[in-house]
Amino acid sequence: MYLVLAEDNTKWVRVWEDNFNWNGRVDPRKWDFDVGGNGWGKYIFFVQSVSFVSCIYVTNLGNNEQQYYTNNRLKNARCKRFPGSTNGRLIIEARRENMTNYQFTSARLKSKRKWRYGRLQIRAKLPDGRGLWSALWMLPKKQTYGNTYWPDNGEIDLMEQVGYDPLSIHSTVHTQAYNHIKGNQPTNAITVNDAVSNFKIYTLDWNVNKIEMFVGDDKNPFANRILVWNKQGNWTQWPFDKPFFLIINIAVGGTWGGALGIDYNIFPRRMEVDWVRVYQRC
């Protein structure tokens, strides 16, 4: 058990982590992979009856991305130790190669564990290059509210970054009332001059009343607050009272990442993740 003292003198306990301290494939006990193309815009709707629970898959809801996400393929997702060290990192690599009618491959990991409230921290170094779209974000475990999984049940974007503007770090939340389809989503961006050259720590603090997102370094992980979203209204504005899972990915192209086109000469490009840690108050 690992304890951290919070600002109000309560304690955080580390409840989950992955340090990627080996050479080889991603741990399948901790991570699943979305597999497919077009941004893998697959949203899962749970249909329940007395005797069974089934899933309805709705496709073609992606962001017009150009990569094909692969399934625990070493070329796109692997763990690798730092030279001369027992410490490792996760490498997610976008590559220019043909696969199932797509010109690029990449990986999109999603955590098997889900959490409601707590502190999520990710130490990562981001790629640059026109056409890339990197993200650390969360989606709900299942549909609880409304008629659609998204945006009715929320989305938390801890970090988004596009390769043509690689030093701008964006944080956003989406709900039924506020989302990018309506163009009124709560969002903010700050400049992080070494987001590509150095590892930074991205933090989500999430409790019953508030979501806060930060970026900083090893000395001060909370150096820069990017976004604060306070609880308000009903579920249409605050669906963030259910378990969410983590997603880590690099997309190629898409409505945002590909807004200025794709530089075909940059590949391969990678995001490196030193560790992922989740804390909850005890």
C-alpha atoms as a PDB file:
ATOM      1  CA  MET A   1       0.000   0.000   0.000  1.00  0.00           C
ATOM      2  CA  TYR A   2       1.283   3.443  -0.938  1.00  0.00           C
ATOM      3  CA  LEU A   3      -0.052   6.512   0.914  1.00  0.00           C
ATOM      4  CA  VAL A   4       0.123  10.171  -0.130  1.00  0.00           C
ATOM      5  CA  LEU A   5      -0.987  13.099   2.036  1.00  0.00           C
ATOM      6  CA  ALA A   6      -3.570  15.362   0.383  1.00  0.00           C
ATOM      7  CA  GLU A   7      -3.841  19.122   0.840  1.00  0.00           C
ATOM      8  CA  ASP A   8      -6.638  18.718   3.404  1.00  0.00           C
ATOM      9  CA  ASN A   9      -4.514  16.226   5.395  1.00  0.00           C
ATOM     10  CA  THR A  10      -6.582  13.250   4.305  1.00  0.00           C
ATOM     11  CA  LYS A  11      -4.665  10.405   2.709  1.00  0.00           C
ATOM     12  CA  TRP A  12      -4.584   8.992  -0.793  1.00  0.00           C
ATOM     13  CA  VAL A  13      -3.961   5.289  -1.245  1.00  0.00           C
ATOM     14  CA  ARG A  14      -2.581   3.972  -4.525  1.00  0.00           C
ATOM     15  CA  VAL A  15      -5.139   1.431  -5.748  1.00  0.00           C
ATOM     16  CA  TRP A  16      -3.764   0.629  -9.212  1.00  0.00           C
ATOM     17  CA  GLU A  17      -0.641   1.208 -11.274  1.00  0.00           C
ATOM     18  CA  ASP A  18       1.349   0.044 -14.250  1.00  0.00           C
ATOM     19  CA  ASN A  19       5.053   0.871 -14.541  1.00  0.00           C
ATOM     20  CA  PHE A  20       5.784  -1.063 -17.767  1.00  0.00           C
ATOM     21  CA  ASN A  21       9.133  -2.266 -16.365  1.00  0.00           C
ATOM     22  CA  TRP A  22       9.892  -5.057 -18.819  1.00  0.00           C
ATOM     23  CA  ASN A  23      10.560  -5.718 -22.473  1.00  0.00           C
ATOM     24  CA  GLY A  24       7.655  -7.126 -24.451  1.00  0.00           C
ATOM     25  CA  ARG A  25       3.908  -6.924 -24.822  1.00  0.00           C
ATOM     26  CA  VAL A  26       1.487  -4.897 -22.751  1.00  0.00           C
ATOM     27  CA  ASP A  27       0.083  -6.733 -19.708  1.00  0.00           C
ATOM     28  CA  PRO A  28      -3.240  -8.288 -20.833  1.00  0.00           C
ATOM     29  CA  ARG A  29      -4.370  -8.524 -17.210  1.00  0.00           C
ATOM     30  CA  LYS A  30      -4.498  -4.731 -17.059  1.00  0.00           C
ATOM     31  CA  TRP A  31      -5.270  -3.596 -20.592  1.00  0.00           C
ATOM     32  CA  ASP A  32      -7.581  -4.321 -23.497  1.00  0.00           C
ATOM     33  CA  PHE A  33      -7.219  -2.998 -27.035  1.00  0.00           C
ATOM     34  CA  ASP A  34      -9.749  -1.399 -29.326  1.00  0.00           C
ATOM     35  CA  VAL A  35      -9.205  -2.904 -32.767  1.00  0.00           C
ATOM     36  CA  GLY A  36     -10.351  -1.329 -36.018  1.00  0.00           C
ATOM     37  CA  GLY A  37     -10.359   1.811 -38.129  1.00  0.00           C
ATOM     38  CA  ASN A  38     -11.984   5.235 -38.544  1.00  0.00           C
ATOM     39  CA  GLY A  39     -11.087   6.185 -34.973  1.00  0.00           C
ATOM     40  CA  TRP A  40     -12.829   3.038 -33.805  1.00  0.00           C
ATOM     41  CA  GLY A  41     -15.957   5.029 -33.103  1.00  0.00           C
ATOM     42  CA  LYS A  42     -17.632   2.063 -31.456  1.00  0.00           C
ATOM     43  CA  TYR A  43     -19.900   2.926 -28.581  1.00  0.00           C
ATOM     44  CA  ILE A  44     -21.365   0.170 -26.455  1.00  0.00           C
ATOM     45  CA  PHE A  45     -24.967   0.183 -25.402  1.00  0.00           C
ATOM     46  CA  PHE A  46     -25.928  -2.314 -22.705  1.00  0.00           C
ATOM     47  CA  VAL A  47     -29.326  -3.968 -23.079  1.00  0.00           C
ATOM     48  CA  GLN A  48     -30.507  -5.731 -19.947  1.00  0.00           C
ATOM     49  CA  SER A  49     -33.313  -8.188 -19.292  1.00  0.00           C
ATOM     50  CA  VAL A  50     -34.148 -10.531 -16.457  1.00  0.00           C
ATOM     51  CA  SER A  51     -32.081 -13.330 -17.945  1.00  0.00           C
ATOM     52  CA  PHE A  52     -29.203 -11.719 -19.824  1.00  0.00           C
ATOM     53  CA  VAL A  53     -27.054  -8.703 -20.524  1.00  0.00           C
ATOM     54  CA  SER A  54     -26.076  -8.102 -24.133  1.00  0.00           C
ATOM     55  CA  CYS A  55     -24.255  -5.377 -26.041  1.00  0.00           C
ATOM     56  CA  ILE A  56     -25.310  -3.463 -29.109  1.00  0.00           C
ATOM     57  CA  TYR A  57     -22.392  -2.105 -31.121  1.00  0.00           C
ATOM     58  CA  VAL A  58     -22.937   1.051 -33.118  1.00  0.00           C
ATOM     59  CA  THR A  59     -20.164   1.742 -35.614  1.00  0.00           C
ATOM     60  CA  ASN A  60     -19.249   4.630 -37.917  1.00  0.00           C
ATOM     61  CA  LEU A  61     -19.229   7.122 -35.062  1.00  0.00           C
ATOM     62  CA  GLY A  62     -15.506   7.788 -35.391  1.00  0.00           C
ATOM     63  CA  ASN A  63     -13.613  10.976 -36.149  1.00  0.00           C
ATOM     64  CA  ASN A  64     -12.630  10.084 -39.733  1.00  0.00           C
ATOM     65  CA  GLU A  65      -9.200   8.989 -38.541  1.00  0.00           C
ATOM     66  CA  GLN A  66      -6.828   7.253 -40.921  1.00  0.00           C
ATOM     67  CA  GLN A  67      -5.199   4.612 -38.719  1.00  0.00           C
ATOM     68  CA  TYR A  68      -6.058   0.987 -38.039  1.00  0.00           C
ATOM     69  CA  TYR A  69      -5.796   0.131 -34.326  1.00  0.00           C
ATOM     70  CA  THR A  70      -4.101  -3.234 -33.780  1.00  0.00           C
ATOM     71  CA  ASN A  71      -4.461  -5.850 -31.045  1.00  0.00           C
ATOM     72  CA  ASN A  72      -1.427  -5.949 -28.703  1.00  0.00           C
ATOM     73  CA  ARG A  73       0.941  -5.868 -31.671  1.00  0.00           C
ATOM     74  CA  LEU A  74       4.554  -5.146 -30.716  1.00  0.00           C
ATOM     75  CA  LYS A  75       5.107  -2.732 -33.577  1.00  0.00           C
ATOM     76  CA  ASN A  76       2.350  -0.492 -32.220  1.00  0.00           C
ATOM     77  CA  ALA A  77       2.341  -1.103 -28.452  1.00  0.00           C
ATOM     78  CA  ARG A  78       5.201  -2.468 -26.382  1.00  0.00           C
ATOM     79  CA  CYS A  79       6.975  -2.136 -23.075  1.00  0.00           C
ATOM     80  CA  LYS A  80      10.680  -1.363 -23.112  1.00  0.00           C
ATOM     81  CA  ARG A  81      13.200  -0.785 -20.362  1.00  0.00           C
ATOM     82  CA  PHE A  82      15.254   2.382 -20.366  1.00  0.00           C
ATOM     83  CA  PRO A  83      18.883   1.618 -21.329  1.00  0.00           C
ATOM     84  CA  GLY A  84      20.912   0.588 -18.284  1.00  0.00           C
ATOM     85  CA  SER A  85      17.877   0.702 -15.985  1.00  0.00           C
ATOM     86  CA  THR A  86      15.270  -1.602 -14.483  1.00  0.00           C
ATOM     87  CA  ASN A  87      12.660   1.076 -15.193  1.00  0.00           C
ATOM     88  CA  GLY A  88      10.619   0.838 -18.352  1.00  0.00           C
ATOM     89  CA  ARG A  89       7.974   2.647 -20.331  1.00  0.00           C
ATOM     90  CA  LEU A  90       5.054   1.973 -22.614  1.00  0.00           C
ATOM     91  CA  ILE A  91       5.615   2.894 -26.248  1.00  0.00           C
ATOM     92  CA  ILE A  92       2.602   3.535 -28.464  1.00  0.00           C
ATOM     93  CA  GLU A  93       3.790   3.912 -32.035  1.00  0.00           C
ATOM     94  CA  ALA A  94       1.933   5.175 -35.083  1.00  0.00           C
ATOM     95  CA  ARG A  95       3.369   3.727 -38.278  1.00  0.00           C
ATOM     96  CA  ARG A  96       2.893   4.292 -41.984  1.00  0.00           C
ATOM     97  CA  GLU A  97       1.962   0.855 -43.334  1.00  0.00           C
ATOM     98  CA  ASN A  98      -1.021  -0.652 -45.074  1.00  0.00           C
ATOM     99  CA  MET A  99      -3.473  -2.752 -43.083  1.00  0.00           C
ATOM    100  CA  THR A 100      -7.068  -3.622 -43.985  1.00  0.00           C
ATOM    101  CA  ASN A 101      -7.447  -0.676 -46.371  1.00  0.00           C
ATOM    102  CA  TYR A 102      -5.812   1.821 -44.011  1.00  0.00           C
ATOM    103  CA  GLN A 103      -2.458   3.520 -44.638  1.00  0.00           C
ATOM    104  CA  PHE A 104      -1.414   3.757 -40.979  1.00  0.00           C
ATOM    105  CA  THR A 105      -1.408   1.583 -37.862  1.00  0.00           C
ATOM    106  CA  SER A 106      -1.420   2.555 -34.207  1.00  0.00           C
ATOM    107  CA  ALA A 107      -2.723   1.355 -30.828  1.00  0.00           C
ATOM    108  CA  ARG A 108      -5.540   2.339 -28.517  1.00  0.00           C
ATOM    109  CA  LEU A 109      -5.297   0.852 -25.025  1.00  0.00           C
ATOM    110  CA  LYS A 110      -8.112   0.855 -22.505  1.00  0.00           C
ATOM    111  CA  SER A 111      -7.808  -0.144 -18.874  1.00  0.00           C
ATOM    112  CA  LYS A 112      -9.675  -3.188 -17.646  1.00  0.00           C
ATOM    113  CA  ARG A 113     -10.165  -1.500 -14.285  1.00  0.00           C
ATOM    114  CA  LYS A 114     -12.754   1.224 -13.875  1.00  0.00           C
ATOM    115  CA  TRP A 115     -12.855   3.888 -11.189  1.00  0.00           C
ATOM    116  CA  ARG A 116     -15.295   6.381  -9.750  1.00  0.00           C
ATOM    117  CA  TYR A 117     -13.566   9.403  -8.218  1.00  0.00           C
ATOM    118  CA  GLY A 118      -9.936   9.632  -7.203  1.00  0.00           C
ATOM    119  CA  ARG A 119      -6.670  10.874  -8.648  1.00  0.00           C
ATOM    120  CA  LEU A 120      -5.267   9.626 -11.949  1.00  0.00           C
ATOM    121  CA  GLN A 121      -1.661  10.490 -12.814  1.00  0.00           C
ATOM    122  CA  ILE A 122       0.191   9.659 -16.027  1.00  0.00           C
ATOM    123  CA  ARG A 123       3.840  10.472 -16.719  1.00  0.00           C
ATOM    124  CA  ALA A 124       4.208  10.750 -20.467  1.00  0.00           C
ATOM    125  CA  LYS A 125       6.207  12.272 -23.316  1.00  0.00           C
ATOM    126  CA  LEU A 126       4.262  13.269 -26.420  1.00  0.00           C
ATOM    127  CA  PRO A 127       5.034  13.110 -30.146  1.00  0.00           C
ATOM    128  CA  ASP A 128       4.956  15.900 -32.685  1.00  0.00           C
ATOM    129  CA  GLY A 129       4.280  15.857 -36.411  1.00  0.00           C
ATOM    130  CA  ARG A 130       1.462  17.101 -38.602  1.00  0.00           C
ATOM    131  CA  GLY A 131      -1.397  14.632 -38.663  1.00  0.00           C
ATOM    132  CA  LEU A 132      -0.986  13.106 -35.181  1.00  0.00           C
ATOM    133  CA  TRP A 133      -3.624  13.256 -32.438  1.00  0.00           C
ATOM    134  CA  SER A 134      -2.547  11.961 -29.012  1.00  0.00           C
ATOM    135  CA  ALA A 135      -4.897  11.508 -26.072  1.00  0.00           C
ATOM    136  CA  LEU A 136      -5.189  10.419 -22.442  1.00  0.00           C
ATOM    137  CA  TRP A 137      -8.908  10.226 -21.717  1.00  0.00           C
ATOM    138  CA  MET A 138     -11.763   8.376 -20.033  1.00  0.00           C
ATOM    139  CA  LEU A 139     -15.156   6.972 -20.969  1.00  0.00           C
ATOM    140  CA  PRO A 140     -17.898   5.483 -18.761  1.00  0.00           C
ATOM    141  CA  LYS A 141     -18.163   1.783 -18.076  1.00  0.00           C
ATOM    142  CA  LYS A 142     -21.718   1.630 -19.402  1.00  0.00           C
ATOM    143  CA  GLN A 143     -24.717   3.648 -20.421  1.00  0.00           C
ATOM    144  CA  THR A 144     -26.666   4.829 -17.384  1.00  0.00           C
ATOM    145  CA  TYR A 145     -28.226   8.077 -18.535  1.00  0.00           C
ATOM    146  CA  GLY A 146     -30.179   9.245 -21.557  1.00  0.00           C
ATOM    147  CA  ASN A 147     -30.764   7.565 -24.893  1.00  0.00           C
ATOM    148  CA  THR A 148     -27.182   7.287 -26.129  1.00  0.00           C
ATOM    149  CA  TYR A 149     -23.907   6.181 -24.613  1.00  0.00           C
ATOM    150  CA  TRP A 150     -22.157   9.336 -25.850  1.00  0.00           C
ATOM    151  CA  PRO A 151     -22.384  12.154 -25.030  1.00  0.00           C
ATOM    152  CA  ASP A 152     -25.127  11.467 -22.493  1.00  0.00           C
ATOM    153  CA  ASN A 153     -22.847   9.524 -20.146  1.00  0.00           C
ATOM    154  CA  GLY A 154     -19.849  11.820 -20.343  1.00  0.00           C
ATOM    155  CA  GLU A 155     -16.234  11.907 -21.456  1.00  0.00           C
ATOM    156  CA  ILE A 156     -13.175  13.211 -19.596  1.00  0.00           C
ATOM    157  CA  ASP A 157     -10.232  14.315 -21.750  1.00  0.00           C
ATOM    158  CA  LEU A 158      -7.271  14.686 -19.421  1.00  0.00           C
ATOM    159  CA  MET A 159      -4.877  15.452 -22.267  1.00  0.00           C
ATOM    160  CA  GLU A 160      -5.310  15.945 -25.988  1.00  0.00           C
ATOM    161  CA  GLN A 161      -2.591  17.203 -28.296  1.00  0.00           C
ATOM    162  CA  VAL A 162      -2.380  17.534 -32.068  1.00  0.00           C
ATOM    163  CA  GLY A 163       0.930  17.172 -33.832  1.00  0.00           C
ATOM    164  CA  TYR A 164       0.735  20.397 -35.839  1.00  0.00           C
ATOM    165  CA  ASP A 165       0.500  22.354 -32.541  1.00  0.00           C
ATOM    166  CA  PRO A 166       2.427  20.006 -30.258  1.00  0.00           C
ATOM    167  CA  LEU A 167       3.073  22.323 -27.306  1.00  0.00           C
ATOM    168  CA  SER A 168      -0.619  23.107 -26.717  1.00  0.00           C
ATOM    169  CA  ILE A 169      -2.121  20.768 -24.121  1.00  0.00           C
ATOM    170  CA  HIS A 170      -5.919  20.598 -24.074  1.00  0.00           C
ATOM    171  CA  SER A 171      -8.272  19.354 -21.343  1.00  0.00           C
ATOM    172  CA  THR A 172     -12.011  18.971 -21.915  1.00  0.00           C
ATOM    173  CA  VAL A 173     -15.188  17.397 -20.568  1.00  0.00           C
ATOM    174  CA  HIS A 174     -18.205  16.356 -22.646  1.00  0.00           C
ATOM    175  CA  THR A 175     -21.786  15.850 -21.474  1.00  0.00           C
ATOM    176  CA  GLN A 176     -25.205  15.780 -23.086  1.00  0.00           C
ATOM    177  CA  ALA A 177     -25.603  19.510 -22.461  1.00  0.00           C
ATOM    178  CA  TYR A 178     -22.029  20.462 -23.353  1.00  0.00           C
ATOM    179  CA  ASN A 179     -20.096  18.641 -26.085  1.00  0.00           C
ATOM    180  CA  HIS A 180     -18.102  19.179 -29.259  1.00  0.00           C
ATOM    181  CA  ILE A 181     -21.079  18.399 -31.509  1.00  0.00           C
ATOM    182  CA  LYS A 182     -22.803  21.455 -30.047  1.00  0.00           C
ATOM    183  CA  GLY A 183     -19.501  23.327 -29.908  1.00  0.00           C
ATOM    184  CA  ASN A 184     -19.980  24.384 -26.285  1.00  0.00           C
ATOM    185  CA  GLN A 185     -17.829  21.850 -24.432  1.00  0.00           C
ATOM    186  CA  PRO A 186     -15.905  23.084 -21.363  1.00  0.00           C
ATOM    187  CA  THR A 187     -12.304  23.126 -22.564  1.00  0.00           C
ATOM    188  CA  ASN A 188      -9.018  24.916 -22.069  1.00  0.00           C
ATOM    189  CA  ALA A 189      -5.483  24.725 -23.415  1.00  0.00           C
ATOM    190  CA  ILE A 190      -2.117  25.835 -22.083  1.00  0.00           C
ATOM    191  CA  THR A 191       1.350  25.916 -23.613  1.00  0.00           C
ATOM    192  CA  VAL A 192       3.874  23.400 -22.267  1.00  0.00           C
ATOM    193  CA  ASN A 193       7.198  24.193 -23.899  1.00  0.00           C
ATOM    194  CA  ASP A 194       8.785  20.797 -23.216  1.00  0.00           C
ATOM    195  CA  ALA A 195       5.761  18.529 -23.728  1.00  0.00           C
ATOM    196  CA  VAL A 196       7.570  16.789 -26.597  1.00  0.00           C
ATOM    197  CA  SER A 197      11.144  16.875 -25.306  1.00  0.00           C
ATOM    198  CA  ASN A 198      10.505  15.787 -21.696  1.00  0.00           C
ATOM    199  CA  PHE A 199       8.213  13.596 -19.644  1.00  0.00           C
ATOM    200  CA  LYS A 200       5.391  15.543 -17.984  1.00  0.00           C
ATOM    201  CA  ILE A 201       2.889  14.439 -15.350  1.00  0.00           C
ATOM    202  CA  TYR A 202      -0.787  14.759 -16.274  1.00  0.00           C
ATOM    203  CA  THR A 203      -3.197  14.661 -13.323  1.00  0.00           C
ATOM    204  CA  LEU A 204      -6.950  14.268 -13.045  1.00  0.00           C
ATOM    205  CA  ASP A 205      -8.503  14.988  -9.644  1.00  0.00           C
ATOM    206  CA  TRP A 206     -12.131  13.877  -9.618  1.00  0.00           C
ATOM    207  CA  ASN A 207     -14.558  13.925  -6.710  1.00  0.00           C
ATOM    208  CA  VAL A 208     -18.288  14.111  -6.147  1.00  0.00           C
ATOM    209  CA  ASN A 209     -18.340  17.879  -6.729  1.00  0.00           C
ATOM    210  CA  LYS A 210     -15.510  18.758  -9.095  1.00  0.00           C
ATOM    211  CA  ILE A 211     -13.120  17.688 -11.853  1.00  0.00           C
ATOM    212  CA  GLU A 212      -9.688  19.335 -12.087  1.00  0.00           C
ATOM    213  CA  MET A 213      -6.911  18.614 -14.573  1.00  0.00           C
ATOM    214  CA  PHE A 214      -3.252  19.603 -14.288  1.00  0.00           C
ATOM    215  CA  VAL A 215       0.094  19.262 -16.019  1.00  0.00           C
ATOM    216  CA  GLY A 216       3.456  19.578 -14.311  1.00  0.00           C
ATOM    217  CA  ASP A 217       6.795  17.923 -13.755  1.00  0.00           C
ATOM    218  CA  ASP A 218       8.396  15.649 -11.181  1.00  0.00           C
ATOM    219  CA  LYS A 219       9.040  18.531  -8.776  1.00  0.00           C
ATOM    220  CA  ASN A 220       5.529  19.938  -9.013  1.00  0.00           C
ATOM    221  CA  PRO A 221       2.939  17.787 -10.796  1.00  0.00           C
ATOM    222  CA  PHE A 222       0.278  20.435 -10.102  1.00  0.00           C
ATOM    223  CA  ALA A 223       2.232  23.382 -11.512  1.00  0.00           C
ATOM    224  CA  ASN A 224      -0.392  24.237 -14.132  1.00  0.00           C
ATOM    225  CA  ARG A 225      -4.125  23.821 -13.726  1.00  0.00           C
ATOM    226  CA  ILE A 226      -5.645  23.355 -17.176  1.00  0.00           C
ATOM    227  CA  LEU A 227      -9.359  22.995 -16.460  1.00  0.00           C
ATOM    228  CA  VAL A 228     -11.842  22.994 -13.585  1.00  0.00           C
ATOM    229  CA  TRP A 229     -15.406  21.726 -14.028  1.00  0.00           C
ATOM    230  CA  ASN A 230     -17.747  22.018 -11.041  1.00  0.00           C
ATOM    231  CA  LYS A 231     -20.809  19.881 -10.532  1.00  0.00           C
ATOM    232  CA  GLN A 232     -23.985  21.564 -11.728  1.00  0.00           C
ATOM    233  CA  GLY A 233     -27.518  20.715 -12.727  1.00  0.00           C
ATOM    234  CA  ASN A 234     -28.604  17.142 -13.346  1.00  0.00           C
ATOM    235  CA  TRP A 235     -27.031  14.259 -15.275  1.00  0.00           C
ATOM    236  CA  THR A 236     -27.166  16.195 -18.553  1.00  0.00           C
ATOM    237  CA  GLN A 237     -24.456  18.485 -17.162  1.00  0.00           C
ATOM    238  CA  TRP A 238     -22.812  16.153 -14.644  1.00  0.00           C
ATOM    239  CA  PRO A 239     -22.890  12.426 -15.512  1.00  0.00           C
ATOM    240  CA  PHE A 240     -19.595  11.930 -13.666  1.00  0.00           C
ATOM    241  CA  ASP A 241     -20.885   9.832 -10.767  1.00  0.00           C
ATOM    242  CA  LYS A 242     -20.277   6.425 -12.372  1.00  0.00           C
ATOM    243  CA  PRO A 243     -17.129   4.337 -13.020  1.00  0.00           C
ATOM    244  CA  PHE A 244     -14.941   5.313 -15.985  1.00  0.00           C
ATOM    245  CA  PHE A 245     -12.035   3.551 -17.684  1.00  0.00           C
ATOM    246  CA  LEU A 246      -8.811   5.024 -19.077  1.00  0.00           C
ATOM    247  CA  ILE A 247      -7.863   5.192 -22.775  1.00  0.00           C
ATOM    248  CA  ILE A 248      -4.379   5.927 -24.163  1.00  0.00           C
ATOM    249  CA  ASN A 249      -3.925   6.311 -27.908  1.00  0.00           C
ATOM    250  CA  ILE A 250      -2.342   8.027 -30.899  1.00  0.00           C
ATOM    251  CA  ALA A 251      -4.629   8.692 -33.842  1.00  0.00           C
ATOM    252  CA  VAL A 252      -3.564   9.707 -37.339  1.00  0.00           C
ATOM    253  CA  GLY A 253      -5.593  12.280 -39.227  1.00  0.00           C
ATOM    254  CA  GLY A 254      -9.194  12.827 -38.259  1.00  0.00           C
ATOM    255  CA  THR A 255     -11.300  15.926 -37.953  1.00  0.00           C
ATOM    256  CA  TRP A 256      -8.843  17.599 -35.584  1.00  0.00           C
ATOM    257  CA  GLY A 257      -5.526  15.800 -35.938  1.00  0.00           C
ATOM    258  CA  GLY A 258      -5.744  15.951 -39.722  1.00  0.00           C
ATOM    259  CA  ALA A 259      -7.120  19.481 -40.001  1.00  0.00           C
ATOM    260  CA  LEU A 260      -3.883  20.623 -41.695  1.00  0.00           C
ATOM    261  CA  GLY A 261      -3.272  17.347 -43.477  1.00  0.00           C
ATOM    262  CA  ILE A 262      -0.805  14.550 -42.707  1.00  0.00           C
ATOM    263  CA  ASP A 263       2.960  14.726 -43.136  1.00  0.00           C
ATOM    264  CA  TYR A 264       3.706  11.284 -44.564  1.00  0.00           C
ATOM    265  CA  ASN A 265       7.441  11.689 -43.919  1.00  0.00           C
ATOM    266  CA  ILE A 266       7.357  11.783 -40.109  1.00  0.00           C
ATOM    267  CA  PHE A 267       6.563   8.140 -39.390  1.00  0.00           C
ATOM    268  CA  PRO A 268       7.029   6.235 -37.206  1.00  0.00           C
ATOM    269  CA  ARG A 269       6.085   8.486 -34.283  1.00  0.00           C
ATOM    270  CA  ARG A 270       5.603   7.445 -30.668  1.00  0.00           C
ATOM    271  CA  MET A 271       4.105   8.432 -27.340  1.00  0.00           C
ATOM    272  CA  GLU A 272       6.031   7.174 -24.316  1.00  0.00           C
ATOM    273  CA  VAL A 273       4.310   6.531 -20.971  1.00  0.00           C
ATOM    274  CA  ASP A 274       6.575   6.015 -17.975  1.00  0.00           C
ATOM    275  CA  TRP A 275       3.808   5.033 -15.587  1.00  0.00           C
ATOM    276  CA  VAL A 276       0.083   5.234 -14.803  1.00  0.00           C
ATOM    277  CA  ARG A 277      -1.130   5.523 -11.194  1.00  0.00           C
ATOM    278  CA  VAL A 278      -4.576   5.719  -9.637  1.00  0.00           C
ATOM    279  CA  TYR A 279      -5.209   6.891  -6.078  1.00  0.00           C
ATOM    280  CA  GLN A 280      -8.344   7.057  -3.975  1.00  0.00           C
ATOM    281  CA  ARG A 281      -8.966   8.673  -0.612  1.00  0.00           C
ATOM    282  CA  CYS A 282      -8.863   6.399   2.397  1.00  0.00           C
END
